[in-house]
C-alpha atoms as a PDB file:
ATOM      1  CA  MET A   1      90.735  31.381 104.519  1.00  0.00           C
ATOM      2  CA  HIS A   2      92.628  27.747 103.635  1.00  0.00           C
ATOM      3  CA  MET A   3      92.593  27.062 100.212  1.00  0.00           C
ATOM      4  CA  LYS A   4      93.863  23.609  99.018  1.00  0.00           C
ATOM      5  CA  TRP A   5      96.359  23.670  95.989  1.00  0.00           C
ATOM      6  CA  ILE A   6      95.281  22.356  92.982  1.00  0.00           C
ATOM      7  CA  GLY A   7      97.558  20.523  89.929  1.00  0.00           C
ATOM      8  CA  ILE A   8      97.356  21.914  86.684  1.00  0.00           C
ATOM      9  CA  ASN A   9      97.379  20.155  83.560  1.00  0.00           C
ATOM     10  CA  ARG A  10      97.381  22.569  80.646  1.00  0.00           C
ATOM     11  CA  ASN A  11      95.967  19.891  78.267  1.00  0.00           C
ATOM     12  CA  SER A  12      92.870  19.474  80.678  1.00  0.00           C
ATOM     13  CA  PRO A  13      89.897  22.072  80.216  1.00  0.00           C
ATOM     14  CA  SER A  14      88.459  20.406  83.396  1.00  0.00           C
ATOM     15  CA  ASN A  15      91.393  21.890  85.443  1.00  0.00           C
ATOM     16  CA  TYR A  16      91.463  25.443  83.868  1.00  0.00           C
ATOM     17  CA  THR A  17      87.303  25.593  84.633  1.00  0.00           C
ATOM     18  CA  LYS A  18      88.117  24.688  88.640  1.00  0.00           C
ATOM     19  CA  ILE A  19      90.562  27.041  88.628  1.00  0.00           C
ATOM     20  CA  PHE A  20      88.286  30.118  87.226  1.00  0.00           C
ATOM     21  CA  SER A  21      85.658  28.545  89.184  1.00  0.00           C
ATOM     22  CA  VAL A  22      87.607  28.984  92.606  1.00  0.00           C
ATOM     23  CA  ALA A  23      89.192  32.367  91.326  1.00  0.00           C
ATOM     24  CA  PHE A  24      85.524  33.615  90.816  1.00  0.00           C
ATOM     25  CA  VAL A  25      84.731  32.450  94.086  1.00  0.00           C
ATOM     26  CA  LEU A  26      87.392  34.275  95.698  1.00  0.00           C
ATOM     27  CA  MET A  27      86.747  37.477  93.869  1.00  0.00           C
ATOM     28  CA  ALA A  28      83.112  37.100  94.387  1.00  0.00           C
ATOM     29  CA  PHE A  29      83.915  36.832  98.384  1.00  0.00           C
ATOM     30  CA  LEU A  30      86.176  39.754  98.673  1.00  0.00           C
ATOM     31  CA  HIS A  31      84.049  41.761  96.854  1.00  0.00           C
ATOM     32  CA  THR A  32      81.028  41.116  98.974  1.00  0.00           C
ATOM     33  CA  ARG A  33      83.319  41.515 102.361  1.00  0.00           C
ATOM     34  CA  THR A  34      84.307  45.040 100.762  1.00  0.00           C
ATOM     35  CA  PHE A  35      80.981  46.009  99.896  1.00  0.00           C
ATOM     36  CA  ALA A  36      79.603  44.855 103.544  1.00  0.00           C
ATOM     37  CA  ALA A  37      82.254  47.008 105.116  1.00  0.00           C
ATOM     38  CA  THR A  38      81.753  49.955 103.234  1.00  0.00           C
ATOM     39  CA  TYR A  39      77.798  49.444 103.764  1.00  0.00           C
ATOM     40  CA  ILE A  40      78.073  49.100 107.380  1.00  0.00           C
ATOM     41  CA  ASP A  41      80.324  52.472 107.490  1.00  0.00           C
ATOM     42  CA  SER A  42      77.628  54.419 105.587  1.00  0.00           C
ATOM     43  CA  LEU A  43      75.076  53.172 108.170  1.00  0.00           C
ATOM     44  CA  ASN A  44      77.169  54.000 110.714  1.00  0.00           C
ATOM     45  CA  THR A  45      77.776  57.696 109.209  1.00  0.00           C
ATOM     46  CA  LYS A  46      74.253  57.947 108.507  1.00  0.00           C
ATOM     47  CA  LYS A  47      73.109  56.927 112.233  1.00  0.00           C
ATOM     48  CA  VAL A  48      75.385  59.856 113.694  1.00  0.00           C
ATOM     49  CA  LYS A  49      74.196  62.184 110.870  1.00  0.00           C
ATOM     50  CA  ASP A  50      70.397  61.638 111.590  1.00  0.00           C
ATOM     51  CA  THR A  51      70.781  61.954 115.267  1.00  0.00           C
ATOM     52  CA  THR A  52      72.410  65.432 114.704  1.00  0.00           C
ATOM     53  CA  VAL A  53      69.252  66.661 112.926  1.00  0.00           C
ATOM     54  CA  SER A  54      66.862  65.180 114.971  1.00  0.00           C
ATOM     55  CA  SER A  55      68.815  67.151 118.287  1.00  0.00           C
ATOM     56  CA  ASN A  56      68.409  70.248 116.304  1.00  0.00           C
ATOM     57  CA  GLN A  57      65.075  69.824 115.287  1.00  0.00           C
ATOM     58  CA  GLN A  58      63.670  69.711 118.662  1.00  0.00           C
ATOM     59  CA  GLY A  59      64.353  73.547 119.255  1.00  0.00           C
ATOM     60  CA  GLY A  60      63.940  74.886 122.552  1.00  0.00           C
ATOM     61  CA  LEU A  61      65.993  77.370 124.499  1.00  0.00           C
ATOM     62  CA  ASN A  62      69.570  75.419 123.676  1.00  0.00           C
ATOM     63  CA  THR A  63      68.840  76.904 120.178  1.00  0.00           C
ATOM     64  CA  LEU A  64      68.040  80.295 121.227  1.00  0.00           C
ATOM     65  CA  PHE A  65      71.596  80.823 123.025  1.00  0.00           C
ATOM     66  CA  PRO A  66      74.569  80.264 120.901  1.00  0.00           C
ATOM     67  CA  SER A  67      77.905  79.779 122.789  1.00  0.00           C
ATOM     68  CA  THR A  68      80.335  82.186 122.432  1.00  0.00           C
ATOM     69  CA  THR A  69      84.101  82.154 123.655  1.00  0.00           C
ATOM     70  CA  ASP A  70      84.319  86.318 124.052  1.00  0.00           C
ATOM     71  CA  ASN A  71      83.146  88.855 126.891  1.00  0.00           C
ATOM     72  CA  THR A  72      80.833  90.978 124.194  1.00  0.00           C
ATOM     73  CA  LEU A  73      77.890  91.117 125.738  1.00  0.00           C
ATOM     74  CA  LYS A  74      75.221  89.711 122.985  1.00  0.00           C
ATOM     75  CA  PRO A  75      71.518  91.009 123.229  1.00  0.00           C
ATOM     76  CA  ASN A  76      69.897  87.650 122.737  1.00  0.00           C
ATOM     77  CA  LEU A  77      71.933  86.476 125.737  1.00  0.00           C
ATOM     78  CA  VAL A  78      69.682  88.539 128.262  1.00  0.00           C
ATOM     79  CA  PRO A  79      69.231  86.163 130.930  1.00  0.00           C
ATOM     80  CA  LEU A  80      66.158  84.070 131.550  1.00  0.00           C
ATOM     81  CA  ASN A  81      64.428  83.770 134.982  1.00  0.00           C
ATOM     82  CA  PRO A  82      64.672  80.287 135.935  1.00  0.00           C
ATOM     83  CA  LYS A  83      61.138  79.845 137.239  1.00  0.00           C
ATOM     84  CA  ALA A  84      60.465  80.854 133.667  1.00  0.00           C
ATOM     85  CA  VAL A  85      62.602  77.893 132.016  1.00  0.00           C
ATOM     86  CA  SER A  86      60.594  74.687 132.026  1.00  0.00           C
ATOM     87  CA  PHE A  87      57.495  76.727 130.606  1.00  0.00           C
ATOM     88  CA  VAL A  88      59.224  78.962 127.996  1.00  0.00           C
ATOM     89  CA  ASP A  89      61.111  75.772 126.837  1.00  0.00           C
ATOM     90  CA  GLN A  90      57.646  73.716 125.912  1.00  0.00           C
ATOM     91  CA  TYR A  91      56.256  76.627 124.858  1.00  0.00           C
ATOM     92  CA  VAL A  92      58.893  77.496 122.334  1.00  0.00           C
ATOM     93  CA  LYS A  93      59.212  74.004 121.057  1.00  0.00           C
ATOM     94  CA  LYS A  94      55.352  73.879 120.368  1.00  0.00           C
ATOM     95  CA  GLU A  95      55.164  77.407 118.856  1.00  0.00           C
ATOM     96  CA  THR A  96      57.715  78.082 116.742  1.00  0.00           C
ATOM     97  CA  LYS A  97      56.782  76.463 113.519  1.00  0.00           C
ATOM     98  CA  GLU A  98      53.419  78.279 113.336  1.00  0.00           C
ATOM     99  CA  TYR A  99      55.578  81.685 114.517  1.00  0.00           C
ATOM    100  CA  GLU A 100      58.115  81.171 112.104  1.00  0.00           C
ATOM    101  CA  ARG A 101      55.289  81.229 109.130  1.00  0.00           C
ATOM    102  CA  MET A 102      53.575  84.031 111.137  1.00  0.00           C
ATOM    103  CA  LYS A 103      56.720  86.341 110.702  1.00  0.00           C
ATOM    104  CA  VAL A 104      56.438  86.577 107.008  1.00  0.00           C
ATOM    105  CA  TRP A 105      52.435  86.708 106.828  1.00  0.00           C
ATOM    106  CA  GLY A 106      52.166  89.078 109.747  1.00  0.00           C
ATOM    107  CA  LYS A 107      55.110  91.238 108.588  1.00  0.00           C
ATOM    108  CA  PRO A 108      52.559  94.288 107.300  1.00  0.00           C
ATOM    109  CA  TYR A 109      51.131  94.285 110.935  1.00  0.00           C
ATOM    110  CA  PHE A 110      54.266  93.859 112.920  1.00  0.00           C
ATOM    111  CA  ASP A 111      55.787  96.977 110.976  1.00  0.00           C
ATOM    112  CA  MET A 112      52.553  99.055 111.694  1.00  0.00           C
ATOM    113  CA  TYR A 113      52.792  97.932 115.136  1.00  0.00           C
ATOM    114  CA  ASP A 114      56.252  98.983 115.423  1.00  0.00           C
ATOM    115  CA  ASN A 115      55.707 102.552 114.149  1.00  0.00           C
ATOM    116  CA  ILE A 116      52.802 103.039 116.533  1.00  0.00           C
ATOM    117  CA  LEU A 117      54.519 101.876 119.500  1.00  0.00           C
ATOM    118  CA  THR A 118      57.641 103.748 119.059  1.00  0.00           C
ATOM    119  CA  GLN A 119      55.746 107.301 118.800  1.00  0.00           C
ATOM    120  CA  TYR A 120      54.017 106.449 122.329  1.00  0.00           C
ATOM    121  CA  GLY A 121      57.762 105.727 123.559  1.00  0.00           C
ATOM    122  CA  ILE A 122      57.044 101.719 123.908  1.00  0.00           C
ATOM    123  CA  PRO A 123      59.186  99.373 123.008  1.00  0.00           C
ATOM    124  CA  LYS A 124      58.238  97.300 119.911  1.00  0.00           C
ATOM    125  CA  GLU A 125      58.262  93.845 121.256  1.00  0.00           C
ATOM    126  CA  LEU A 126      55.006  95.153 123.498  1.00  0.00           C
ATOM    127  CA  LYS A 127      53.559  93.864 119.857  1.00  0.00           C
ATOM    128  CA  TYR A 128      54.047  90.382 120.992  1.00  0.00           C
ATOM    129  CA  LEU A 129      51.353  90.829 123.293  1.00  0.00           C
ATOM    130  CA  SER A 130      48.705  91.346 120.396  1.00  0.00           C
ATOM    131  CA  VAL A 131      50.083  87.670 118.957  1.00  0.00           C
ATOM    132  CA  ILE A 132      49.374  86.050 122.353  1.00  0.00           C
ATOM    133  CA  GLU A 133      46.030  87.820 122.860  1.00  0.00           C
ATOM    134  CA  SER A 134      44.373  86.982 118.824  1.00  0.00           C
ATOM    135  CA  ASN A 135      47.073  85.376 116.622  1.00  0.00           C
ATOM    136  CA  LEU A 136      46.911  88.700 114.846  1.00  0.00           C
ATOM    137  CA  GLU A 137      43.154  87.860 113.913  1.00  0.00           C
ATOM    138  CA  LYS A 138      40.820  91.023 114.099  1.00  0.00           C
ATOM    139  CA  GLY A 139      37.752  88.785 114.227  1.00  0.00           C
ATOM    140  CA  THR A 140      38.575  87.166 117.453  1.00  0.00           C
ATOM    141  CA  VAL A 141      36.207  87.902 120.513  1.00  0.00           C
ATOM    142  CA  SER A 142      36.897  86.156 124.171  1.00  0.00           C
ATOM    143  CA  TRP A 143      34.387  84.601 126.387  1.00  0.00           C
ATOM    144  CA  ALA A 144      34.877  87.998 128.380  1.00  0.00           C
ATOM    145  CA  GLY A 145      33.979  89.928 125.718  1.00  0.00           C
ATOM    146  CA  ALA A 146      37.311  91.349 124.259  1.00  0.00           C
ATOM    147  CA  VAL A 147      37.427  91.946 120.479  1.00  0.00           C
ATOM    148  CA  GLY A 148      40.173  92.601 118.100  1.00  0.00           C
ATOM    149  CA  PRO A 149      43.632  92.180 117.501  1.00  0.00           C
ATOM    150  CA  TRP A 150      44.818  93.366 120.791  1.00  0.00           C
ATOM    151  CA  GLN A 151      41.489  91.860 122.892  1.00  0.00           C
ATOM    152  CA  LEU A 152      40.128  95.321 124.051  1.00  0.00           C
ATOM    153  CA  MET A 153      37.205  95.504 126.197  1.00  0.00           C
ATOM    154  CA  ASP A 154      33.891  97.515 125.163  1.00  0.00           C
ATOM    155  CA  TYR A 155      34.922 100.125 127.956  1.00  0.00           C
ATOM    156  CA  GLU A 156      38.741 100.499 126.936  1.00  0.00           C
ATOM    157  CA  GLY A 157      37.713 101.119 123.310  1.00  0.00           C
ATOM    158  CA  ARG A 158      35.214 103.592 124.455  1.00  0.00           C
ATOM    159  CA  ARG A 159      37.720 105.676 126.877  1.00  0.00           C
ATOM    160  CA  PHE A 160      40.481 105.308 123.824  1.00  0.00           C
ATOM    161  CA  GLY A 161      37.533 107.023 121.331  1.00  0.00           C
ATOM    162  CA  LEU A 162      36.898 104.000 119.347  1.00  0.00           C
ATOM    163  CA  ARG A 163      33.735 103.484 117.540  1.00  0.00           C
ATOM    164  CA  MET A 164      31.535 100.755 118.781  1.00  0.00           C
ATOM    165  CA  SER A 165      27.770 101.335 117.267  1.00  0.00           C
ATOM    166  CA  GLY A 166      26.096 100.908 113.960  1.00  0.00           C
ATOM    167  CA  GLY A 167      27.205  97.777 113.024  1.00  0.00           C
ATOM    168  CA  VAL A 168      31.102  99.239 113.489  1.00  0.00           C
ATOM    169  CA  ASP A 169      33.746  98.260 115.960  1.00  0.00           C
ATOM    170  CA  GLU A 170      37.122  99.689 115.599  1.00  0.00           C
ATOM    171  CA  ARG A 171      38.281  97.290 117.842  1.00  0.00           C
ATOM    172  CA  MET A 172      38.723  95.167 114.932  1.00  0.00           C
ATOM    173  CA  ASP A 173      40.798  98.120 113.317  1.00  0.00           C
ATOM    174  CA  PHE A 174      44.337  97.258 113.237  1.00  0.00           C
ATOM    175  CA  TYR A 175      45.438 100.843 113.253  1.00  0.00           C
ATOM    176  CA  LYS A 176      43.008 102.491 115.391  1.00  0.00           C
ATOM    177  CA  SER A 177      42.907  99.505 117.658  1.00  0.00           C
ATOM    178  CA  THR A 178      46.768  99.527 117.681  1.00  0.00           C
ATOM    179  CA  HIS A 179      46.489 103.331 118.871  1.00  0.00           C
ATOM    180  CA  ALA A 180      44.683 102.372 121.547  1.00  0.00           C
ATOM    181  CA  ALA A 181      45.899  99.701 122.950  1.00  0.00           C
ATOM    182  CA  ALA A 182      49.357 101.566 122.958  1.00  0.00           C
ATOM    183  CA  LYS A 183      48.040 104.568 125.088  1.00  0.00           C
ATOM    184  CA  LEU A 184      46.492 101.642 127.372  1.00  0.00           C
ATOM    185  CA  ILE A 185      50.021 100.172 127.577  1.00  0.00           C
ATOM    186  CA  LYS A 186      51.661 103.395 128.019  1.00  0.00           C
ATOM    187  CA  GLU A 187      49.058 104.123 131.173  1.00  0.00           C
ATOM    188  CA  LEU A 188      50.022 100.498 132.728  1.00  0.00           C
ATOM    189  CA  TYR A 189      53.752 101.047 132.659  1.00  0.00           C
ATOM    190  CA  ALA A 190      52.934 104.394 134.388  1.00  0.00           C
ATOM    191  CA  GLU A 191      51.070 102.662 137.190  1.00  0.00           C
ATOM    192  CA  PHE A 192      53.708  99.555 137.501  1.00  0.00           C
ATOM    193  CA  GLY A 193      57.090 100.625 135.976  1.00  0.00           C
ATOM    194  CA  ASP A 194      57.321  96.855 134.925  1.00  0.00           C
ATOM    195  CA  TRP A 195      57.002  95.145 131.606  1.00  0.00           C
ATOM    196  CA  LEU A 196      55.855  92.121 133.123  1.00  0.00           C
ATOM    197  CA  LEU A 197      53.165  93.398 135.387  1.00  0.00           C
ATOM    198  CA  VAL A 198      52.108  95.758 132.404  1.00  0.00           C
ATOM    199  CA  VAL A 199      51.354  92.594 130.589  1.00  0.00           C
ATOM    200  CA  ALA A 200      49.951  91.073 133.723  1.00  0.00           C
ATOM    201  CA  ALA A 201      47.247  93.610 134.376  1.00  0.00           C
ATOM    202  CA  TYR A 202      46.854  93.949 130.301  1.00  0.00           C
ATOM    203  CA  ASN A 203      45.115  90.631 131.117  1.00  0.00           C
ATOM    204  CA  GLY A 204      44.059  90.513 134.640  1.00  0.00           C
ATOM    205  CA  GLY A 205      43.303  94.032 135.102  1.00  0.00           C
ATOM    206  CA  VAL A 206      45.515  96.482 137.612  1.00  0.00           C
ATOM    207  CA  GLY A 207      43.304  95.964 140.763  1.00  0.00           C
ATOM    208  CA  ARG A 208      44.032  92.513 140.511  1.00  0.00           C
ATOM    209  CA  VAL A 209      47.807  92.820 139.936  1.00  0.00           C
ATOM    210  CA  LYS A 210      47.737  95.668 143.173  1.00  0.00           C
ATOM    211  CA  GLN A 211      46.065  92.934 144.927  1.00  0.00           C
ATOM    212  CA  CYS A 212      48.807  90.209 144.287  1.00  0.00           C
ATOM    213  CA  ILE A 213      51.315  92.989 145.096  1.00  0.00           C
ATOM    214  CA  LYS A 214      50.006  93.411 148.293  1.00  0.00           C
ATOM    215  CA  LYS A 215      49.434  89.575 149.263  1.00  0.00           C
ATOM    216  CA  ALA A 216      53.001  88.821 148.300  1.00  0.00           C
ATOM    217  CA  ASN A 217      54.645  92.128 149.635  1.00  0.00           C
ATOM    218  CA  SER A 218      56.345  92.063 146.046  1.00  0.00           C
ATOM    219  CA  ARG A 219      55.963  93.892 143.178  1.00  0.00           C
ATOM    220  CA  ASP A 220      58.316  90.880 141.395  1.00  0.00           C
ATOM    221  CA  PHE A 221      56.593  88.546 139.239  1.00  0.00           C
ATOM    222  CA  TRP A 222      57.987  85.887 140.251  1.00  0.00           C
ATOM    223  CA  ASP A 223      57.427  86.346 143.491  1.00  0.00           C
ATOM    224  CA  LEU A 224      53.399  87.622 143.011  1.00  0.00           C
ATOM    225  CA  GLN A 225      52.877  85.314 140.320  1.00  0.00           C
ATOM    226  CA  TYR A 226      51.275  82.415 142.792  1.00  0.00           C
ATOM    227  CA  TYR A 227      48.499  85.057 143.683  1.00  0.00           C
ATOM    228  CA  LEU A 228      47.396  85.738 139.944  1.00  0.00           C
ATOM    229  CA  PRO A 229      44.780  83.400 138.276  1.00  0.00           C
ATOM    230  CA  GLU A 230      46.523  80.534 136.167  1.00  0.00           C
ATOM    231  CA  GLU A 231      45.669  82.194 133.120  1.00  0.00           C
ATOM    232  CA  THR A 232      47.138  85.510 133.380  1.00  0.00           C
ATOM    233  CA  ARG A 233      50.334  83.989 135.167  1.00  0.00           C
ATOM    234  CA  ASN A 234      50.619  81.935 132.019  1.00  0.00           C
ATOM    235  CA  HIS A 235      49.803  84.842 129.759  1.00  0.00           C
ATOM    236  CA  VAL A 236      53.160  86.387 131.006  1.00  0.00           C
ATOM    237  CA  LYS A 237      55.211  83.352 130.191  1.00  0.00           C
ATOM    238  CA  LYS A 238      53.681  83.168 126.785  1.00  0.00           C
ATOM    239  CA  PHE A 239      54.515  86.883 126.247  1.00  0.00           C
ATOM    240  CA  ILE A 240      58.069  85.795 127.196  1.00  0.00           C
ATOM    241  CA  GLY A 241      58.642  82.387 124.788  1.00  0.00           C
ATOM    242  CA  THR A 242      56.788  84.434 122.066  1.00  0.00           C
ATOM    243  CA  HIS A 243      59.552  86.894 122.455  1.00  0.00           C
ATOM    244  CA  TYR A 244      62.196  84.567 122.480  1.00  0.00           C
ATOM    245  CA  ILE A 245      61.072  82.772 119.185  1.00  0.00           C
ATOM    246  CA  PHE A 246      60.470  86.058 117.366  1.00  0.00           C
ATOM    247  CA  GLU A 247      63.849  87.896 118.494  1.00  0.00           C
ATOM    248  CA  GLY A 248      66.100  84.962 119.234  1.00  0.00           C
ATOM    249  CA  GLY A 249      66.313  85.476 122.710  1.00  0.00           C
ATOM    250  CA  GLY A 250      64.980  87.990 125.837  1.00  0.00           C
ATOM    251  CA  GLY A 251      65.140  91.527 126.177  1.00  0.00           C
ATOM    252  CA  LEU A 252      64.204  94.485 128.791  1.00  0.00           C
ATOM    253  CA  THR A 253      60.405  93.417 128.241  1.00  0.00           C
ATOM    254  CA  THR A 254      60.972  89.983 129.469  1.00  0.00           C
ATOM    255  CA  MET A 255      62.693  90.904 132.669  1.00  0.00           C
ATOM    256  CA  THR A 256      61.139  92.432 135.770  1.00  0.00           C
ATOM    257  CA  ALA A 257      62.112  96.034 136.653  1.00  0.00           C
ATOM    258  CA  MET A 258      64.701  94.874 138.951  1.00  0.00           C
ATOM    259  CA  GLU A 259      66.597  92.254 136.589  1.00  0.00           C
ATOM    260  CA  ALA A 260      65.988  95.025 133.839  1.00  0.00           C
ATOM    261  CA  GLU A 261      68.182  97.413 135.979  1.00  0.00           C
ATOM    262  CA  LYS A 262      70.750  94.622 137.009  1.00  0.00           C
ATOM    263  CA  TYR A 263      71.039  94.155 133.067  1.00  0.00           C
ATOM    264  CA  LYS A 264      71.484  98.078 132.201  1.00  0.00           C
ATOM    265  CA  ALA A 265      74.356  98.397 134.936  1.00  0.00           C
ATOM    266  CA  GLN A 266      75.829  95.165 133.141  1.00  0.00           C
ATOM    267  CA  LEU A 267      75.281  97.033 129.561  1.00  0.00           C
ATOM    268  CA  ALA A 268      77.221 100.066 130.973  1.00  0.00           C
ATOM    269  CA  ASN A 269      80.336  98.623 131.881  1.00  0.00           C
ATOM    270  CA  THR A 270      80.136  95.790 129.080  1.00  0.00           C
ATOM    271  CA  THR A 271      82.204  96.912 125.526  1.00  0.00           C
ATOM    272  CA  ILE A 272      80.261  96.636 123.075  1.00  0.00           C
ATOM    273  CA  GLU A 273      81.610  95.454 119.523  1.00  0.00           C
ATOM    274  CA  LEU A 274      79.829  97.261 116.729  1.00  0.00           C
ATOM    275  CA  THR A 275      80.383  95.840 113.436  1.00  0.00           C
ATOM    276  CA  ALA A 276      81.707  97.720 110.115  1.00  0.00           C
ATOM    277  CA  GLU A 277      78.533  98.739 108.945  1.00  0.00           C
ATOM    278  CA  GLU A 278      77.151  99.866 112.373  1.00  0.00           C
ATOM    279  CA  LEU A 279      80.445 101.939 112.216  1.00  0.00           C
ATOM    280  CA  ASN A 280      79.926 102.989 108.862  1.00  0.00           C
ATOM    281  CA  SER A 281      76.144 103.654 108.987  1.00  0.00           C
ATOM    282  CA  THR A 282      76.284 105.944 112.617  1.00  0.00           C
ATOM    283  CA  SER A 283      77.933 109.027 113.606  1.00  0.00           C
ATOM    284  CA  VAL A 284      78.607 110.223 117.529  1.00  0.00           C
ATOM    285  CA  ILE A 285      77.385 113.672 118.633  1.00  0.00           C
ATOM    286  CA  GLU A 286      78.699 115.000 122.171  1.00  0.00           C
ATOM    287  CA  VAL A 287      75.788 115.848 124.174  1.00  0.00           C
ATOM    288  CA  GLY A 288      75.087 117.275 127.831  1.00  0.00           C
ATOM    289  CA  GLY A 289      72.098 117.973 129.539  1.00  0.00           C
ATOM    290  CA  ARG A 290      69.327 116.154 131.034  1.00  0.00           C
ATOM    291  CA  TYR A 291      68.099 113.987 127.857  1.00  0.00           C
ATOM    292  CA  LEU A 292      66.331 110.874 128.582  1.00  0.00           C
ATOM    293  CA  SER A 293      67.106 107.801 126.204  1.00  0.00           C
ATOM    294  CA  SER A 294      63.040 106.994 125.986  1.00  0.00           C
ATOM    295  CA  VAL A 295      62.354 110.545 124.834  1.00  0.00           C
ATOM    296  CA  VAL A 296      65.331 110.739 122.506  1.00  0.00           C
ATOM    297  CA  SER A 297      64.126 106.901 121.041  1.00  0.00           C
ATOM    298  CA  SER A 298      60.807 108.196 120.641  1.00  0.00           C
ATOM    299  CA  ARG A 299      61.176 111.071 119.044  1.00  0.00           C
ATOM    300  CA  LEU A 300      63.625 109.746 116.468  1.00  0.00           C
ATOM    301  CA  VAL A 301      61.603 106.666 116.093  1.00  0.00           C
ATOM    302  CA  MET A 302      63.991 104.357 117.039  1.00  0.00           C
ATOM    303  CA  ASP A 303      63.942 101.136 118.826  1.00  0.00           C
ATOM    304  CA  ILE A 304      64.942 101.529 122.261  1.00  0.00           C
ATOM    305  CA  ASP A 305      66.766  98.184 122.848  1.00  0.00           C
ATOM    306  CA  GLN A 306      69.079  99.598 119.794  1.00  0.00           C
ATOM    307  CA  PHE A 307      69.954 102.927 121.403  1.00  0.00           C
ATOM    308  CA  ASN A 308      70.740 101.499 124.528  1.00  0.00           C
ATOM    309  CA  ARG A 309      72.926  99.037 123.037  1.00  0.00           C
ATOM    310  CA  TRP A 310      74.439 101.595 121.203  1.00  0.00           C
ATOM    311  CA  ASN A 311      74.486 104.236 123.855  1.00  0.00           C
ATOM    312  CA  PRO A 312      75.225 101.998 127.001  1.00  0.00           C
ATOM    313  CA  GLY A 313      74.854 104.100 130.060  1.00  0.00           C
ATOM    314  CA  PHE A 314      73.263 107.126 128.629  1.00  0.00           C
ATOM    315  CA  ASP A 315      70.891 108.427 131.275  1.00  0.00           C
ATOM    316  CA  LYS A 316      73.353 107.591 133.919  1.00  0.00           C
ATOM    317  CA  ALA A 317      76.051 109.878 132.584  1.00  0.00           C
ATOM    318  CA  LEU A 318      73.886 112.762 131.642  1.00  0.00           C
ATOM    319  CA  ALA A 319      71.960 112.602 135.324  1.00  0.00           C
ATOM    320  CA  GLU A 320      75.624 113.423 136.933  1.00  0.00           C
ATOM    321  CA  GLY A 321      76.229 115.877 134.911  1.00  0.00           C
ATOM    322  CA  LYS A 322      78.713 114.284 132.314  1.00  0.00           C
ATOM    323  CA  LYS A 323      78.904 114.646 128.935  1.00  0.00           C
ATOM    324  CA  TYR A 324      77.965 111.655 126.520  1.00  0.00           C
ATOM    325  CA  SER A 325      78.583 110.856 123.313  1.00  0.00           C
ATOM    326  CA  LEU A 326      75.568 109.466 121.513  1.00  0.00           C
ATOM    327  CA  ARG A 327      75.821 107.509 118.797  1.00  0.00           C
ATOM    328  CA  LEU A 328      72.937 107.213 116.410  1.00  0.00           C
ATOM    329  CA  ASN A 329      72.203 106.553 112.596  1.00  0.00           C
ATOM    330  CA  LYS A 330      73.450 109.469 110.369  1.00  0.00           C
ATOM    331  CA  GLU A 331      69.851 109.747 109.230  1.00  0.00           C
ATOM    332  CA  LYS A 332      68.899 110.119 113.101  1.00  0.00           C
ATOM    333  CA  ALA A 333      71.495 112.181 114.169  1.00  0.00           C
ATOM    334  CA  ILE A 334      70.411 114.959 111.720  1.00  0.00           C
ATOM    335  CA  VAL A 335      67.132 114.814 112.687  1.00  0.00           C
ATOM    336  CA  PHE A 336      68.287 115.042 116.490  1.00  0.00           C
ATOM    337  CA  GLN A 337      70.314 117.980 115.751  1.00  0.00           C
ATOM    338  CA  ALA A 338      67.272 119.753 114.214  1.00  0.00           C
ATOM    339  CA  GLN A 339      65.079 119.018 116.824  1.00  0.00           C
ATOM    340  CA  LYS A 340      67.626 118.393 119.879  1.00  0.00           C
ATOM    341  CA  SER A 341      65.991 121.801 121.860  1.00  0.00           C
ATOM    342  CA  ASP A 342      62.483 120.313 121.650  1.00  0.00           C
ATOM    343  CA  ILE A 343      63.639 116.817 122.821  1.00  0.00           C
ATOM    344  CA  LEU A 344      65.528 118.320 125.899  1.00  0.00           C
ATOM    345  CA  LEU A 345      62.581 120.254 127.149  1.00  0.00           C
ATOM    346  CA  GLU A 346      60.585 117.079 126.893  1.00  0.00           C
ATOM    347  CA  SER A 347      63.035 115.158 128.492  1.00  0.00           C
ATOM    348  CA  ILE A 348      63.257 117.842 131.440  1.00  0.00           C
ATOM    349  CA  ARG A 349      59.078 117.992 131.688  1.00  0.00           C
ATOM    350  CA  ARG A 350      59.032 113.902 132.192  1.00  0.00           C
ATOM    351  CA  LEU A 351      61.366 114.576 134.581  1.00  0.00           C
ATOM    352  CA  LEU A 352      59.695 117.256 136.700  1.00  0.00           C
ATOM    353  CA  ASN A 353      56.594 115.235 136.075  1.00  0.00           C
ATOM    354  CA  GLY A 354      58.309 112.175 137.686  1.00  0.00           C
ATOM    355  CA  ASN A 355      57.292 110.310 134.373  1.00  0.00           C
ATOM    356  CA  ASN A 356      60.918 108.802 133.924  1.00  0.00           C
ATOM    357  CA  GLU A 357      60.553 105.669 131.337  1.00  0.00           C
ATOM    358  CA  SER A 358      64.281 105.233 130.603  1.00  0.00           C
END
C-alpha cells in the first residue's frame, strides 16, 4: 500500500484531522485484514473437523475393526467372509441406531436369554436370533403363523410343551418360549454342527437346508446360500450383522464350522493378553481327562467364547492326553472343584454318544 506524505502544520487543525483520518483508515484496514485471515482459518479448521465427524457418523464395518499394531488376537477381529461384507456393511449402517437403543431397553430380556441359552450349552449370541425374528416383541405374528419373540410355529410350541389353548399362547411368554427355542436350537445344532446352518434351518426348515446341501454338494453356507430362498439367505446375514452391532465384531456363531475350526486353531497358537483385572479375578487349575469345553462352560453357566479366550486349545490338549492349566473366574473355579467329577462324567457321556459340541 502506497501512502502520500502530508506536510504537518502544528497550528493547522485541518492537518491534524487529515492525519487522524489516515491513521484511522490504516488501523481499520489492518484490523479487517487480520480478522478476515482469522475467520478464513477458522472456516478451514471447522471444515476439517466437520469432515471428520461426518466420516465417523457414517458407521459401517470400519468402525467395528479398530486398528492394532500388535499380534495379540482380538476377539472382535474375527474374520468376516468376503461374501457377507457388502450386505453386513449396509445392514450395520441401517440398524445401528435402533439397536443401540435396544441395548438399553432390551437388557432384561437379554440377561434372561443369556442365562437360559447357557443352561443348554448354546452360545449366548444366539439371542440375536430373537432380535431379527421379532425385534423382541412378544405379540409378533408372521404371515406363516409363527408367534412370539422367537417366532415359533404351533407344532413347535406343542412339541416343546407350550400351552396354546383357552386364550393362552405361551409362545408369547418370554421365559417359556426361550426354553422352547433353546431346545429347538440345540436340536438343529446336533443336526448340522454349524451355527450359520442352524440360523438358516430355524428360518427355512431342516428339510430345505438339507436339500440345499445336496444340491450344492457342500455344507458351507456361503456355497449353498444360492439354493436357499432369498428370505432365508438374508436372515443369516442379518444375524451376522446384528451380532456385529451388539458385540462390536464377529464370533464363532458368525462363521461356518470350517471357519470356526480354523479360528480355534489360530486361537490355540496365539498369545492372549490378559488385563490386570482378569489376572486378579481368575485362578488356574491343572486338569486332566476328557473334559469338554462345552460341558464345562455350560455347567458353570459361563460364556463359551470367554471360556475359549481364557483357555485356547483346551479340547485339543485334553484329547491328546495332556494336562491343561484351566483358567476360570475364582468363583467359577470353586464350583468346578465341587462338580468336576460330574462334569467329567457328562463330558465322557457326550463323547460316547458322539455329541461333542465343543
